[in-house]
PDB file of all heavy atoms in Angstrom:
ATOM      1  N   PRO A   1      -8.920  -3.689 -10.893  1.00  0.00           N
ATOM      2  CA  PRO A   1      -8.508  -2.530 -10.145  1.00  0.00           C
ATOM      3  C   PRO A   1      -7.088  -2.743  -9.588  1.00  0.00           C
ATOM      4  O   PRO A   1      -6.778  -3.864  -9.205  1.00  0.00           O
ATOM      5  CB  PRO A   1      -9.519  -2.413  -8.998  1.00  0.00           C
ATOM      6  CG  PRO A   1     -10.754  -3.149  -9.554  1.00  0.00           C
ATOM      7  CD  PRO A   1     -10.195  -4.235 -10.426  1.00  0.00           C
ATOM      8  N   GLU A   2      -6.284  -1.713  -9.529  1.00  0.00           N
ATOM      9  CA  GLU A   2      -4.842  -1.865  -9.131  1.00  0.00           C
ATOM     10  C   GLU A   2      -4.746  -2.468  -7.765  1.00  0.00           C
ATOM     11  O   GLU A   2      -3.772  -3.336  -7.596  1.00  0.00           O
ATOM     12  CB  GLU A   2      -4.130  -0.524  -9.249  1.00  0.00           C
ATOM     13  CG  GLU A   2      -2.641  -0.771  -9.015  1.00  0.00           C
ATOM     14  CD  GLU A   2      -1.807   0.459  -9.004  1.00  0.00           C
ATOM     15  OE1 GLU A   2      -2.334   1.543  -8.806  1.00  0.00           O
ATOM     16  OE2 GLU A   2      -0.598   0.322  -9.187  1.00  0.00           O
ATOM     17  N   ALA A   3      -5.461  -2.060  -6.793  1.00  0.00           N
ATOM     18  CA  ALA A   3      -5.333  -2.644  -5.436  1.00  0.00           C
ATOM     19  C   ALA A   3      -5.472  -4.148  -5.523  1.00  0.00           C
ATOM     20  O   ALA A   3      -4.723  -4.904  -4.893  1.00  0.00           O
ATOM     21  CB  ALA A   3      -6.278  -2.030  -4.462  1.00  0.00           C
ATOM     22  N   GLU A   4      -6.502  -4.605  -6.220  1.00  0.00           N
ATOM     23  CA  GLU A   4      -6.720  -6.039  -6.415  1.00  0.00           C
ATOM     24  C   GLU A   4      -5.551  -6.700  -7.149  1.00  0.00           C
ATOM     25  O   GLU A   4      -5.109  -7.837  -6.829  1.00  0.00           O
ATOM     26  CB  GLU A   4      -8.021  -6.255  -7.116  1.00  0.00           C
ATOM     27  CG  GLU A   4      -8.482  -7.687  -7.313  1.00  0.00           C
ATOM     28  CD  GLU A   4      -9.751  -7.762  -8.132  1.00  0.00           C
ATOM     29  OE1 GLU A   4     -10.655  -6.961  -7.894  1.00  0.00           O
ATOM     30  OE2 GLU A   4      -9.867  -8.635  -9.001  1.00  0.00           O
ATOM     31  N   ALA A   5      -5.099  -6.079  -8.192  1.00  0.00           N
ATOM     32  CA  ALA A   5      -3.969  -6.567  -8.977  1.00  0.00           C
ATOM     33  C   ALA A   5      -2.707  -6.708  -8.114  1.00  0.00           C
ATOM     34  O   ALA A   5      -1.956  -7.676  -8.257  1.00  0.00           O
ATOM     35  CB  ALA A   5      -3.722  -5.668 -10.187  1.00  0.00           C
ATOM     36  N   ILE A   6      -2.439  -5.709  -7.234  1.00  0.00           N
ATOM     37  CA  ILE A   6      -1.261  -5.774  -6.392  1.00  0.00           C
ATOM     38  C   ILE A   6      -1.389  -6.885  -5.410  1.00  0.00           C
ATOM     39  O   ILE A   6      -0.395  -7.638  -5.171  1.00  0.00           O
ATOM     40  CB  ILE A   6      -0.992  -4.447  -5.680  1.00  0.00           C
ATOM     41  CG1 ILE A   6      -0.536  -3.418  -6.769  1.00  0.00           C
ATOM     42  CG2 ILE A   6       0.032  -4.543  -4.572  1.00  0.00           C
ATOM     43  CD1 ILE A   6      -0.385  -1.975  -6.293  1.00  0.00           C
ATOM     44  N   THR A   7      -2.541  -7.081  -4.803  1.00  0.00           N
ATOM     45  CA  THR A   7      -2.732  -8.246  -3.932  1.00  0.00           C
ATOM     46  C   THR A   7      -2.512  -9.548  -4.668  1.00  0.00           C
ATOM     47  O   THR A   7      -1.870 -10.471  -4.175  1.00  0.00           O
ATOM     48  CB  THR A   7      -4.144  -8.229  -3.312  1.00  0.00           C
ATOM     49  OG1 THR A   7      -4.327  -7.000  -2.573  1.00  0.00           O
ATOM     50  CG2 THR A   7      -4.421  -9.405  -2.440  1.00  0.00           C
ATOM     51  N   ALA A   8      -3.026  -9.649  -5.908  1.00  0.00           N
ATOM     52  CA  ALA A   8      -2.839 -10.882  -6.673  1.00  0.00           C
ATOM     53  C   ALA A   8      -1.347 -11.037  -7.054  1.00  0.00           C
ATOM     54  O   ALA A   8      -0.842 -12.167  -7.013  1.00  0.00           O
ATOM     55  CB  ALA A   8      -3.687 -10.830  -7.941  1.00  0.00           C
ATOM     56  N   LEU A   9      -0.691  -9.980  -7.337  1.00  0.00           N
ATOM     57  CA  LEU A   9       0.771 -10.003  -7.620  1.00  0.00           C
ATOM     58  C   LEU A   9       1.555 -10.565  -6.422  1.00  0.00           C
ATOM     59  O   LEU A   9       2.325 -11.450  -6.590  1.00  0.00           O
ATOM     60  CB  LEU A   9       1.285  -8.631  -7.993  1.00  0.00           C
ATOM     61  CG  LEU A   9       2.752  -8.478  -8.223  1.00  0.00           C
ATOM     62  CD1 LEU A   9       3.278  -9.355  -9.366  1.00  0.00           C
ATOM     63  CD2 LEU A   9       3.118  -7.010  -8.417  1.00  0.00           C
ATOM     64  N   ASP A  10       1.235 -10.006  -5.273  1.00  0.00           N
ATOM     65  CA  ASP A  10       1.939 -10.580  -4.075  1.00  0.00           C
ATOM     66  C   ASP A  10       1.612 -11.997  -3.847  1.00  0.00           C
ATOM     67  O   ASP A  10       2.526 -12.795  -3.496  1.00  0.00           O
ATOM     68  CB  ASP A  10       1.434  -9.662  -2.875  1.00  0.00           C
ATOM     69  CG  ASP A  10       2.233  -9.907  -1.619  1.00  0.00           C
ATOM     70  OD1 ASP A  10       3.459  -9.993  -1.712  1.00  0.00           O
ATOM     71  OD2 ASP A  10       1.663 -10.079  -0.564  1.00  0.00           O
ATOM     72  N   ASP A  11       0.401 -12.403  -3.977  1.00  0.00           N
ATOM     73  CA  ASP A  11      -0.007 -13.851  -3.826  1.00  0.00           C
ATOM     74  C   ASP A  11       0.770 -14.705  -4.781  1.00  0.00           C
ATOM     75  O   ASP A  11       1.303 -15.786  -4.387  1.00  0.00           O
ATOM     76  CB  ASP A  11      -1.492 -14.065  -4.064  1.00  0.00           C
ATOM     77  CG  ASP A  11      -2.353 -13.483  -2.919  1.00  0.00           C
ATOM     78  OD1 ASP A  11      -1.801 -13.136  -1.850  1.00  0.00           O
ATOM     79  OD2 ASP A  11      -3.565 -13.317  -3.080  1.00  0.00           O
ATOM     80  N   GLU A  12       0.820 -14.276  -6.036  1.00  0.00           N
ATOM     81  CA  GLU A  12       1.457 -15.136  -7.060  1.00  0.00           C
ATOM     82  C   GLU A  12       2.974 -15.151  -6.846  1.00  0.00           C
ATOM     83  O   GLU A  12       3.628 -16.200  -7.063  1.00  0.00           O
ATOM     84  CB  GLU A  12       1.132 -14.637  -8.484  1.00  0.00           C
ATOM     85  CG  GLU A  12      -0.330 -14.777  -8.823  1.00  0.00           C
ATOM     86  CD  GLU A  12      -0.882 -16.214  -8.511  1.00  0.00           C
ATOM     87  OE1 GLU A  12      -0.215 -17.208  -8.696  1.00  0.00           O
ATOM     88  OE2 GLU A  12      -2.053 -16.275  -8.113  1.00  0.00           O
ATOM     89  N   LEU A  13       3.575 -14.100  -6.379  1.00  0.00           N
ATOM     90  CA  LEU A  13       5.014 -14.056  -6.104  1.00  0.00           C
ATOM     91  C   LEU A  13       5.290 -15.032  -4.930  1.00  0.00           C
ATOM     92  O   LEU A  13       6.266 -15.764  -5.014  1.00  0.00           O
ATOM     93  CB  LEU A  13       5.481 -12.669  -5.737  1.00  0.00           C
ATOM     94  CG  LEU A  13       5.597 -11.641  -6.843  1.00  0.00           C
ATOM     95  CD1 LEU A  13       5.829 -10.280  -6.258  1.00  0.00           C
ATOM     96  CD2 LEU A  13       6.664 -12.044  -7.803  1.00  0.00           C
ATOM     97  N   ASN A  14       4.469 -15.055  -3.941  1.00  0.00           N
ATOM     98  CA  ASN A  14       4.629 -16.015  -2.847  1.00  0.00           C
ATOM     99  C   ASN A  14       4.620 -17.455  -3.324  1.00  0.00           C
ATOM    100  O   ASN A  14       5.468 -18.288  -2.965  1.00  0.00           O
ATOM    101  CB  ASN A  14       3.622 -15.787  -1.745  1.00  0.00           C
ATOM    102  CG  ASN A  14       3.897 -14.556  -0.992  1.00  0.00           C
ATOM    103  OD1 ASN A  14       5.075 -14.185  -0.756  1.00  0.00           O
ATOM    104  ND2 ASN A  14       2.865 -13.852  -0.581  1.00  0.00           N
ATOM    105  N   ARG A  15       3.625 -17.779  -4.194  1.00  0.00           N
ATOM    106  CA  ARG A  15       3.542 -19.158  -4.742  1.00  0.00           C
ATOM    107  C   ARG A  15       4.759 -19.470  -5.587  1.00  0.00           C
ATOM    108  O   ARG A  15       5.320 -20.566  -5.498  1.00  0.00           O
ATOM    109  CB  ARG A  15       2.321 -19.241  -5.594  1.00  0.00           C
ATOM    110  CG  ARG A  15       1.023 -19.387  -4.792  1.00  0.00           C
ATOM    111  CD  ARG A  15      -0.175 -19.650  -5.686  1.00  0.00           C
ATOM    112  NE  ARG A  15      -1.366 -19.423  -4.936  1.00  0.00           N
ATOM    113  CZ  ARG A  15      -2.094 -18.300  -4.955  1.00  0.00           C
ATOM    114  NH1 ARG A  15      -1.749 -17.278  -5.720  1.00  0.00           N
ATOM    115  NH2 ARG A  15      -3.160 -18.168  -4.194  1.00  0.00           N
ATOM    116  N   LEU A  16       5.137 -18.568  -6.457  1.00  0.00           N
ATOM    117  CA  LEU A  16       6.307 -18.790  -7.309  1.00  0.00           C
ATOM    118  C   LEU A  16       7.605 -18.970  -6.548  1.00  0.00           C
ATOM    119  O   LEU A  16       8.473 -19.827  -6.893  1.00  0.00           O
ATOM    120  CB  LEU A  16       6.495 -17.613  -8.308  1.00  0.00           C
ATOM    121  CG  LEU A  16       5.495 -17.674  -9.491  1.00  0.00           C
ATOM    122  CD1 LEU A  16       5.559 -16.330 -10.216  1.00  0.00           C
ATOM    123  CD2 LEU A  16       5.879 -18.803 -10.450  1.00  0.00           C
ATOM    124  N   MET A  17       7.799 -18.215  -5.500  1.00  0.00           N
ATOM    125  CA  MET A  17       9.031 -18.255  -4.715  1.00  0.00           C
ATOM    126  C   MET A  17       9.127 -19.633  -4.072  1.00  0.00           C
ATOM    127  O   MET A  17      10.212 -20.277  -4.038  1.00  0.00           O
ATOM    128  CB  MET A  17       9.071 -17.138  -3.677  1.00  0.00           C
ATOM    129  CG  MET A  17       9.191 -15.765  -4.234  1.00  0.00           C
ATOM    130  SD  MET A  17      10.685 -15.545  -5.259  1.00  0.00           S
ATOM    131  CE  MET A  17      11.903 -15.773  -4.044  1.00  0.00           C
ATOM    132  N   ARG A  18       8.027 -20.170  -3.507  1.00  0.00           N
ATOM    133  CA  ARG A  18       8.048 -21.531  -2.936  1.00  0.00           C
ATOM    134  C   ARG A  18       8.379 -22.538  -3.989  1.00  0.00           C
ATOM    135  O   ARG A  18       9.165 -23.436  -3.818  1.00  0.00           O
ATOM    136  CB  ARG A  18       6.766 -21.799  -2.246  1.00  0.00           C
ATOM    137  CG  ARG A  18       6.613 -21.170  -0.843  1.00  0.00           C
ATOM    138  CD  ARG A  18       5.480 -21.727  -0.048  1.00  0.00           C
ATOM    139  NE  ARG A  18       4.191 -21.668  -0.770  1.00  0.00           N
ATOM    140  CZ  ARG A  18       3.364 -20.619  -0.858  1.00  0.00           C
ATOM    141  NH1 ARG A  18       3.752 -19.485  -0.260  1.00  0.00           N
ATOM    142  NH2 ARG A  18       2.236 -20.671  -1.525  1.00  0.00           N
ATOM    143  N   LEU A  19       7.727 -22.403  -5.122  1.00  0.00           N
ATOM    144  CA  LEU A  19       7.939 -23.361  -6.219  1.00  0.00           C
ATOM    145  C   LEU A  19       9.375 -23.312  -6.733  1.00  0.00           C
ATOM    146  O   LEU A  19       9.986 -24.302  -6.976  1.00  0.00           O
ATOM    147  CB  LEU A  19       6.921 -23.096  -7.348  1.00  0.00           C
ATOM    148  CG  LEU A  19       6.840 -24.091  -8.465  1.00  0.00           C
ATOM    149  CD1 LEU A  19       6.460 -25.481  -7.923  1.00  0.00           C
ATOM    150  CD2 LEU A  19       5.791 -23.651  -9.490  1.00  0.00           C
ATOM    151  N   GLY A  20       9.875 -22.076  -6.879  1.00  0.00           N
ATOM    152  CA  GLY A  20      11.248 -21.914  -7.308  1.00  0.00           C
ATOM    153  C   GLY A  20      12.246 -22.533  -6.414  1.00  0.00           C
ATOM    154  O   GLY A  20      13.122 -23.233  -6.792  1.00  0.00           O
ATOM    155  N   ARG A  21      11.983 -22.344  -5.105  1.00  0.00           N
ATOM    156  CA  ARG A  21      12.875 -22.919  -4.089  1.00  0.00           C
ATOM    157  C   ARG A  21      12.779 -24.373  -4.047  1.00  0.00           C
ATOM    158  O   ARG A  21      13.804 -25.115  -3.855  1.00  0.00           O
ATOM    159  CB  ARG A  21      12.556 -22.333  -2.739  1.00  0.00           C
ATOM    160  CG  ARG A  21      13.379 -22.806  -1.565  1.00  0.00           C
ATOM    161  CD  ARG A  21      12.764 -22.560  -0.225  1.00  0.00           C
ATOM    162  NE  ARG A  21      11.526 -23.316  -0.109  1.00  0.00           N
ATOM    163  CZ  ARG A  21      10.460 -22.933   0.566  1.00  0.00           C
ATOM    164  NH1 ARG A  21      10.468 -21.810   1.250  1.00  0.00           N
ATOM    165  NH2 ARG A  21       9.357 -23.730   0.655  1.00  0.00           N
ATOM    166  N   ASP A  22      11.565 -24.965  -4.205  1.00  0.00           N
ATOM    167  CA  ASP A  22      11.359 -26.357  -4.005  1.00  0.00           C
ATOM    168  C   ASP A  22      11.570 -27.233  -5.231  1.00  0.00           C
ATOM    169  O   ASP A  22      11.553 -28.471  -5.178  1.00  0.00           O
ATOM    170  CB  ASP A  22       9.965 -26.609  -3.461  1.00  0.00           C
ATOM    171  CG  ASP A  22       9.829 -26.055  -2.042  1.00  0.00           C
ATOM    172  OD1 ASP A  22      10.879 -25.791  -1.370  1.00  0.00           O
ATOM    173  OD2 ASP A  22       8.664 -25.891  -1.601  1.00  0.00           O
ATOM    174  N   THR A  23      11.700 -26.606  -6.425  1.00  0.00           N
ATOM    175  CA  THR A  23      11.874 -27.384  -7.639  1.00  0.00           C
ATOM    176  C   THR A  23      13.340 -27.713  -7.758  1.00  0.00           C
ATOM    177  O   THR A  23      14.207 -26.896  -7.783  1.00  0.00           O
ATOM    178  CB  THR A  23      11.485 -26.505  -8.872  1.00  0.00           C
ATOM    179  OG1 THR A  23      10.150 -26.188  -8.787  1.00  0.00           O
ATOM    180  CG2 THR A  23      11.748 -27.252 -10.164  1.00  0.00           C
ATOM    181  N   PRO A  24      13.595 -29.065  -7.791  1.00  0.00           N
ATOM    182  CA  PRO A  24      14.980 -29.498  -7.933  1.00  0.00           C
ATOM    183  C   PRO A  24      15.569 -29.052  -9.351  1.00  0.00           C
ATOM    184  O   PRO A  24      14.793 -29.107 -10.291  1.00  0.00           O
ATOM    185  CB  PRO A  24      14.996 -30.994  -7.812  1.00  0.00           C
ATOM    186  CG  PRO A  24      13.568 -31.393  -7.616  1.00  0.00           C
ATOM    187  CD  PRO A  24      12.714 -30.147  -7.697  1.00  0.00           C
TER     188      PRO A  24
END
């Protein structure tokens, strides 16, 4: 369902942003 997919998208973006910032 889209609402669930958007929540998952937001969660994954947050994880990726931290990883992108912290990866040398």
